[in-house]
């Protein structure tokens, strides 16, 4: 009888631990998904902010984003830059490189500067909203 009680207790503890492990993993996956969506939502804005300071080569953009702890790979950045170019937000010019082939330096267009100004307003409003909700 004592052995059956111990086995039952062991099974209950094991199930409880497994349940908590699954719950923690589900929570972790949920948080990672939300974080990913948040990063995607601000990536375009951050790229425009960087390019508002000065024209930049794609590797420079990635490096600056990484310094700000926003990790981006080329496979994410290039499609974004191409889309922004097609939308008239960015333009580029080829510049000779001291090592290797010429490089494409991206810069904001006039339309891009206007879009960034509107995004700044929206970002500031969103920041105020979140701050108010967090109080």
N, C-alpha and C. Protein backbone atom coordinates (compact mmCIF):
# COMPACT_ATOMS: atom_id res chain seq x y z
N UNK A 1 0.83 -1.19 0.00
CA UNK A 1 0.00 0.00 0.00
C UNK A 1 0.87 1.26 0.00
N UNK A 2 1.89 1.26 0.85
CA UNK A 2 2.80 2.40 0.95
C UNK A 2 3.48 2.64 -0.39
N UNK A 3 3.86 1.56 -1.07
CA UNK A 3 4.53 1.64 -2.36
C UNK A 3 3.59 2.25 -3.41
N UNK A 4 2.32 1.86 -3.37
CA UNK A 4 1.34 2.40 -4.32
C UNK A 4 1.15 3.90 -4.09
N UNK A 5 1.12 4.31 -2.84
CA UNK A 5 0.97 5.74 -2.52
C UNK A 5 2.19 6.51 -3.02
N UNK A 6 3.38 5.94 -2.81
CA UNK A 6 4.60 6.60 -3.28
C UNK A 6 4.62 6.71 -4.80
N UNK A 7 4.22 5.63 -5.46
CA UNK A 7 4.18 5.65 -6.92
C UNK A 7 3.17 6.69 -7.42
N UNK A 8 2.02 6.74 -6.80
CA UNK A 8 1.00 7.72 -7.18
C UNK A 8 1.50 9.14 -6.94
N UNK A 9 2.17 9.34 -5.82
CA UNK A 9 2.72 10.67 -5.51
C UNK A 9 3.80 11.04 -6.54
N UNK A 10 4.62 10.08 -6.88
CA UNK A 10 5.67 10.31 -7.87
C UNK A 10 5.06 10.68 -9.21
N UNK A 11 4.03 9.96 -9.64
CA UNK A 11 3.35 10.25 -10.90
C UNK A 11 2.72 11.63 -10.87
N UNK A 12 2.11 11.99 -9.76
CA UNK A 12 1.50 13.32 -9.63
C UNK A 12 2.55 14.42 -9.73
N UNK A 13 3.66 14.23 -9.05
CA UNK A 13 4.75 15.22 -9.10
C UNK A 13 5.31 15.31 -10.52
N UNK A 14 5.50 14.16 -11.14
CA UNK A 14 6.03 14.13 -12.51
C UNK A 14 5.08 14.85 -13.47
N UNK A 15 3.79 14.59 -13.36
CA UNK A 15 2.80 15.26 -14.20
C UNK A 15 2.78 16.76 -13.94
N UNK A 16 2.88 17.15 -12.68
CA UNK A 16 2.89 18.57 -12.32
C UNK A 16 4.10 19.26 -12.94
N UNK A 17 5.27 18.62 -12.82
CA UNK A 17 6.49 19.20 -13.39
C UNK A 17 6.40 19.29 -14.91
N UNK A 18 5.87 18.24 -15.54
CA UNK A 18 5.71 18.24 -16.98
C UNK A 18 4.73 19.34 -17.41
N UNK A 19 3.64 19.47 -16.69
CA UNK A 19 2.65 20.52 -16.98
C UNK A 19 3.30 21.90 -16.90
N UNK A 20 4.06 22.13 -15.84
CA UNK A 20 4.73 23.43 -15.68
C UNK A 20 5.76 23.67 -16.77
N UNK A 21 6.46 22.61 -17.16
CA UNK A 21 7.45 22.74 -18.22
C UNK A 21 6.77 23.11 -19.54
N UNK A 22 5.66 22.45 -19.84
CA UNK A 22 4.91 22.76 -21.06
C UNK A 22 4.36 24.18 -20.99
N UNK A 23 3.85 24.55 -19.83
CA UNK A 23 3.30 25.90 -19.64
C UNK A 23 4.39 26.95 -19.83
N UNK A 24 5.57 26.71 -19.26
CA UNK A 24 6.68 27.66 -19.40
C UNK A 24 7.14 27.75 -20.85
N UNK A 25 7.19 26.60 -21.54
CA UNK A 25 7.59 26.60 -22.94
C UNK A 25 6.58 27.35 -23.79
N UNK A 26 5.30 27.16 -23.52
CA UNK A 26 4.25 27.87 -24.25
C UNK A 26 4.37 29.37 -24.01
N UNK A 27 4.61 29.75 -22.77
CA UNK A 27 4.78 31.17 -22.44
C UNK A 27 5.99 31.74 -23.15
N UNK A 28 7.10 30.99 -23.13
CA UNK A 28 8.32 31.44 -23.79
C UNK A 28 8.09 31.62 -25.29
N UNK A 29 7.40 30.67 -25.91
CA UNK A 29 7.12 30.76 -27.35
C UNK A 29 6.22 31.95 -27.65
N UNK A 30 5.24 32.19 -26.80
CA UNK A 30 4.34 33.33 -26.97
C UNK A 30 5.13 34.63 -26.91
N UNK A 31 5.98 34.77 -25.89
CA UNK A 31 6.77 35.99 -25.71
C UNK A 31 7.72 36.18 -26.89
N UNK A 32 8.36 35.12 -27.34
CA UNK A 32 9.28 35.23 -28.48
C UNK A 32 8.53 35.68 -29.73
N UNK A 33 7.33 35.19 -29.93
CA UNK A 33 6.53 35.59 -31.08
C UNK A 33 6.17 37.08 -31.00
N UNK A 34 5.75 37.53 -29.83
CA UNK A 34 5.39 38.94 -29.66
C UNK A 34 6.64 39.82 -29.86
N UNK A 35 7.76 39.41 -29.29
CA UNK A 35 9.00 40.17 -29.45
C UNK A 35 9.38 40.27 -30.93
N UNK A 36 9.23 39.19 -31.65
CA UNK A 36 9.55 39.18 -33.07
C UNK A 36 8.65 40.15 -33.84
N UNK A 37 7.37 40.15 -33.53
CA UNK A 37 6.45 41.07 -34.19
C UNK A 37 6.77 42.52 -33.85
N UNK A 38 7.17 42.77 -32.60
CA UNK A 38 7.54 44.13 -32.20
C UNK A 38 8.78 44.59 -32.97
N UNK A 39 9.78 43.70 -33.07
CA UNK A 39 11.01 44.05 -33.80
C UNK A 39 10.70 44.34 -35.26
N UNK A 40 9.88 43.49 -35.88
CA UNK A 40 9.53 43.70 -37.28
C UNK A 40 8.82 45.04 -37.46
N UNK A 41 7.97 45.37 -36.50
CA UNK A 41 7.22 46.62 -36.58
C UNK A 41 8.09 47.85 -36.48
N UNK A 42 9.20 47.76 -35.74
CA UNK A 42 10.03 48.94 -35.59
C UNK A 42 11.26 48.94 -36.50
N UNK A 43 11.53 47.85 -37.18
CA UNK A 43 12.72 47.77 -38.01
C UNK A 43 12.73 48.86 -39.10
N UNK A 44 11.64 48.99 -39.80
CA UNK A 44 11.57 49.98 -40.88
C UNK A 44 11.80 51.39 -40.34
N UNK A 45 11.17 51.70 -39.23
CA UNK A 45 11.33 53.01 -38.60
C UNK A 45 12.80 53.23 -38.20
N UNK A 46 13.42 52.22 -37.62
CA UNK A 46 14.83 52.35 -37.19
C UNK A 46 15.76 52.54 -38.39
N UNK A 47 15.50 51.83 -39.48
CA UNK A 47 16.32 52.00 -40.68
C UNK A 47 16.19 53.43 -41.20
N UNK A 48 14.97 53.94 -41.23
CA UNK A 48 14.77 55.33 -41.69
C UNK A 48 15.47 56.32 -40.76
N UNK A 49 15.41 56.06 -39.47
CA UNK A 49 16.11 56.94 -38.52
C UNK A 49 17.61 56.96 -38.79
N UNK A 50 18.18 55.79 -39.02
CA UNK A 50 19.62 55.72 -39.29
C UNK A 50 19.97 56.48 -40.58
N UNK A 51 19.16 56.27 -41.60
CA UNK A 51 19.45 56.90 -42.88
C UNK A 51 19.15 58.40 -42.88
N UNK A 52 18.40 58.87 -41.90
CA UNK A 52 18.14 60.32 -41.80
C UNK A 52 19.40 61.05 -41.35
N UNK A 53 20.32 60.33 -40.73
CA UNK A 53 21.56 60.95 -40.26
C UNK A 53 22.57 61.09 -41.39
N UNK A 54 22.70 60.02 -42.18
CA UNK A 54 23.62 60.04 -43.32
C UNK A 54 23.38 58.81 -44.18
N UNK A 55 23.74 58.90 -45.47
CA UNK A 55 23.62 57.72 -46.33
C UNK A 55 24.47 56.58 -45.78
N UNK A 56 24.02 55.35 -46.02
CA UNK A 56 24.75 54.21 -45.46
C UNK A 56 24.68 53.00 -46.39
N UNK A 57 25.72 52.23 -46.31
CA UNK A 57 25.85 50.95 -46.99
C UNK A 57 25.08 49.92 -46.16
N UNK A 58 24.54 48.89 -46.78
CA UNK A 58 23.70 47.92 -46.07
C UNK A 58 24.43 47.30 -44.87
N UNK A 59 25.70 46.99 -45.01
CA UNK A 59 26.44 46.41 -43.87
C UNK A 59 26.55 47.40 -42.72
N UNK A 60 26.69 48.69 -43.06
CA UNK A 60 26.73 49.73 -42.02
C UNK A 60 25.39 49.81 -41.28
N UNK A 61 24.31 49.67 -42.03
CA UNK A 61 22.97 49.69 -41.42
C UNK A 61 22.84 48.54 -40.43
N UNK A 62 23.22 47.35 -40.87
CA UNK A 62 23.15 46.16 -40.01
C UNK A 62 24.00 46.36 -38.76
N UNK A 63 25.21 46.87 -38.95
CA UNK A 63 26.12 47.10 -37.82
C UNK A 63 25.54 48.09 -36.81
N UNK A 64 24.96 49.18 -37.31
CA UNK A 64 24.35 50.17 -36.41
C UNK A 64 23.14 49.60 -35.68
N UNK A 65 22.35 48.80 -36.36
CA UNK A 65 21.20 48.17 -35.70
C UNK A 65 21.67 47.20 -34.61
N UNK A 66 22.72 46.44 -34.92
CA UNK A 66 23.26 45.50 -33.93
C UNK A 66 23.81 46.23 -32.71
N UNK A 67 24.46 47.37 -32.92
CA UNK A 67 24.97 48.17 -31.80
C UNK A 67 23.83 48.63 -30.90
N UNK A 68 22.67 48.80 -31.48
CA UNK A 68 21.49 49.21 -30.72
C UNK A 68 20.70 47.99 -30.22
N UNK A 69 21.30 46.80 -30.34
CA UNK A 69 20.70 45.54 -29.89
C UNK A 69 19.46 45.14 -30.68
N UNK A 70 19.40 45.55 -31.94
CA UNK A 70 18.34 45.09 -32.84
C UNK A 70 19.03 44.24 -33.90
N UNK A 71 19.01 42.93 -33.69
CA UNK A 71 19.74 42.01 -34.56
C UNK A 71 18.93 41.78 -35.84
N UNK A 72 19.58 42.06 -36.96
CA UNK A 72 18.95 41.91 -38.27
C UNK A 72 19.94 41.22 -39.21
N UNK A 73 19.43 40.32 -40.00
CA UNK A 73 20.29 39.64 -40.98
C UNK A 73 20.04 40.24 -42.36
N UNK A 74 21.00 40.01 -43.26
CA UNK A 74 20.89 40.56 -44.61
C UNK A 74 19.61 40.11 -45.30
N UNK A 75 19.23 38.86 -45.05
CA UNK A 75 18.02 38.31 -45.68
C UNK A 75 16.76 39.04 -45.27
N UNK A 76 16.80 39.77 -44.17
CA UNK A 76 15.67 40.59 -43.74
C UNK A 76 15.82 42.02 -44.26
N UNK A 77 17.04 42.52 -44.23
CA UNK A 77 17.27 43.93 -44.58
C UNK A 77 17.11 44.21 -46.07
N UNK A 78 17.70 43.37 -46.92
CA UNK A 78 17.67 43.64 -48.36
C UNK A 78 16.26 43.74 -48.94
N UNK A 79 15.36 42.83 -48.61
CA UNK A 79 13.98 42.99 -49.12
C UNK A 79 13.33 44.29 -48.62
N UNK A 80 13.62 44.67 -47.39
CA UNK A 80 13.07 45.91 -46.84
C UNK A 80 13.62 47.12 -47.62
N UNK A 81 14.93 47.15 -47.84
CA UNK A 81 15.53 48.25 -48.59
C UNK A 81 14.98 48.32 -50.01
N UNK A 82 14.81 47.17 -50.64
CA UNK A 82 14.26 47.14 -52.01
C UNK A 82 12.82 47.65 -52.03
N UNK A 83 12.03 47.25 -51.07
CA UNK A 83 10.64 47.71 -51.00
C UNK A 83 10.58 49.22 -50.79
N UNK A 84 11.41 49.72 -49.86
CA UNK A 84 11.43 51.16 -49.59
C UNK A 84 11.91 51.95 -50.81
N UNK A 85 12.81 51.38 -51.59
CA UNK A 85 13.26 52.01 -52.84
C UNK A 85 12.11 52.07 -53.82
N UNK A 86 11.37 50.97 -53.98
CA UNK A 86 10.23 50.93 -54.91
C UNK A 86 9.14 51.91 -54.50
N UNK A 87 8.98 52.11 -53.20
CA UNK A 87 7.96 53.02 -52.69
C UNK A 87 8.40 54.48 -52.75
N UNK A 88 9.66 54.71 -53.14
CA UNK A 88 10.14 56.08 -53.26
C UNK A 88 10.60 56.70 -51.95
N UNK A 89 10.73 55.88 -50.92
CA UNK A 89 11.16 56.37 -49.60
C UNK A 89 12.68 56.48 -49.55
N UNK A 90 13.35 55.57 -50.25
CA UNK A 90 14.80 55.55 -50.31
C UNK A 90 15.27 55.66 -51.75
N UNK A 91 16.49 56.11 -51.88
CA UNK A 91 17.19 56.06 -53.15
C UNK A 91 18.60 55.59 -52.81
N UNK A 92 19.38 55.31 -53.81
CA UNK A 92 20.76 54.91 -53.54
C UNK A 92 21.68 55.45 -54.62
N UNK A 93 22.94 55.46 -54.28
CA UNK A 93 23.96 55.81 -55.26
C UNK A 93 25.13 54.86 -55.07
N UNK A 94 25.78 54.56 -56.18
CA UNK A 94 26.94 53.69 -56.14
C UNK A 94 28.17 54.52 -55.79
N UNK A 95 28.97 54.00 -54.85
CA UNK A 95 30.22 54.66 -54.49
C UNK A 95 31.35 53.65 -54.58
N UNK A 96 32.46 54.12 -55.08
CA UNK A 96 33.63 53.25 -55.18
C UNK A 96 34.09 52.83 -53.78
N UNK A 97 34.61 51.65 -53.69
CA UNK A 97 35.11 51.12 -52.42
C UNK A 97 36.62 50.94 -52.52
N UNK A 98 37.31 51.17 -51.41
CA UNK A 98 38.76 50.98 -51.41
C UNK A 98 39.10 49.49 -51.51
N UNK A 99 38.19 48.66 -51.04
CA UNK A 99 38.37 47.20 -51.16
C UNK A 99 37.12 46.60 -51.79
N UNK A 100 37.29 45.95 -52.91
CA UNK A 100 36.15 45.30 -53.55
C UNK A 100 35.40 46.18 -54.52
N UNK A 101 34.25 45.68 -54.92
CA UNK A 101 33.44 46.40 -55.93
C UNK A 101 32.76 47.63 -55.35
N UNK A 102 32.18 48.46 -56.23
CA UNK A 102 31.43 49.64 -55.74
C UNK A 102 30.30 49.20 -54.81
N UNK A 103 29.92 50.11 -53.92
CA UNK A 103 28.88 49.81 -52.92
C UNK A 103 27.68 50.71 -53.13
N UNK A 104 26.52 50.16 -52.79
CA UNK A 104 25.26 50.88 -52.90
C UNK A 104 25.00 51.57 -51.57
N UNK A 105 25.00 52.91 -51.57
CA UNK A 105 24.72 53.69 -50.36
C UNK A 105 23.29 54.22 -50.44
N UNK A 106 22.51 53.85 -49.43
CA UNK A 106 21.10 54.25 -49.38
C UNK A 106 20.96 55.58 -48.66
N UNK A 107 19.97 56.35 -49.11
CA UNK A 107 19.66 57.63 -48.47
C UNK A 107 18.15 57.86 -48.55
N UNK A 108 17.65 58.71 -47.66
CA UNK A 108 16.24 59.07 -47.69
C UNK A 108 15.97 60.03 -48.84
N UNK A 109 14.83 59.85 -49.47
CA UNK A 109 14.37 60.82 -50.47
C UNK A 109 13.56 61.89 -49.73
N UNK A 110 13.10 62.89 -50.45
CA UNK A 110 12.23 63.90 -49.84
C UNK A 110 10.96 63.23 -49.30
N UNK A 111 10.42 62.32 -50.10
CA UNK A 111 9.24 61.54 -49.66
C UNK A 111 9.57 60.75 -48.39
N UNK A 112 10.78 60.20 -48.33
CA UNK A 112 11.21 59.44 -47.15
C UNK A 112 11.33 60.32 -45.92
N UNK A 113 11.81 61.55 -46.10
CA UNK A 113 11.91 62.49 -44.97
C UNK A 113 10.53 62.84 -44.43
N UNK A 114 9.57 63.03 -45.35
CA UNK A 114 8.20 63.32 -44.93
C UNK A 114 7.59 62.12 -44.22
N UNK A 115 7.83 60.94 -44.75
CA UNK A 115 7.30 59.72 -44.13
C UNK A 115 7.90 59.54 -42.74
N UNK A 116 9.19 59.81 -42.60
CA UNK A 116 9.84 59.68 -41.30
C UNK A 116 9.26 60.67 -40.29
N UNK A 117 8.98 61.88 -40.73
CA UNK A 117 8.38 62.87 -39.83
C UNK A 117 7.04 62.38 -39.31
N UNK A 118 6.23 61.79 -40.19
CA UNK A 118 4.94 61.23 -39.76
C UNK A 118 5.12 60.03 -38.84
N UNK A 119 6.10 59.19 -39.15
CA UNK A 119 6.37 58.04 -38.28
C UNK A 119 6.85 58.50 -36.91
N UNK A 120 7.64 59.57 -36.88
CA UNK A 120 8.08 60.15 -35.60
C UNK A 120 6.88 60.56 -34.75
N UNK A 121 5.94 61.23 -35.38
CA UNK A 121 4.73 61.65 -34.65
C UNK A 121 3.98 60.42 -34.11
N UNK A 122 3.85 59.41 -34.95
CA UNK A 122 3.15 58.20 -34.53
C UNK A 122 3.90 57.46 -33.43
N UNK A 123 5.23 57.41 -33.55
CA UNK A 123 6.03 56.75 -32.52
C UNK A 123 5.86 57.46 -31.17
N UNK A 124 5.94 58.79 -31.20
CA UNK A 124 5.80 59.56 -29.97
C UNK A 124 4.42 59.36 -29.34
N UNK A 125 3.39 59.32 -30.16
CA UNK A 125 2.04 59.08 -29.65
C UNK A 125 1.93 57.68 -29.06
N UNK A 126 2.52 56.71 -29.73
CA UNK A 126 2.49 55.33 -29.23
C UNK A 126 3.26 55.21 -27.91
N UNK A 127 4.39 55.89 -27.85
CA UNK A 127 5.20 55.89 -26.62
C UNK A 127 4.41 56.48 -25.45
N UNK A 128 3.71 57.58 -25.70
CA UNK A 128 2.89 58.21 -24.65
C UNK A 128 1.76 57.27 -24.22
N UNK A 129 1.14 56.62 -25.18
CA UNK A 129 0.04 55.69 -24.89
C UNK A 129 0.52 54.55 -24.00
N UNK A 130 1.63 53.95 -24.38
CA UNK A 130 2.16 52.83 -23.59
C UNK A 130 2.56 53.30 -22.20
N UNK A 131 3.20 54.45 -22.11
CA UNK A 131 3.60 54.99 -20.81
C UNK A 131 2.37 55.24 -19.93
N UNK A 132 1.31 55.74 -20.51
CA UNK A 132 0.10 56.01 -19.75
C UNK A 132 -0.54 54.70 -19.27
N UNK A 133 -0.55 53.69 -20.12
CA UNK A 133 -1.14 52.41 -19.74
C UNK A 133 -0.29 51.72 -18.67
N UNK A 134 1.02 51.88 -18.72
CA UNK A 134 1.90 51.23 -17.75
C UNK A 134 1.79 51.84 -16.35
N UNK A 135 1.27 53.05 -16.23
CA UNK A 135 1.19 53.72 -14.92
C UNK A 135 0.23 53.00 -14.00
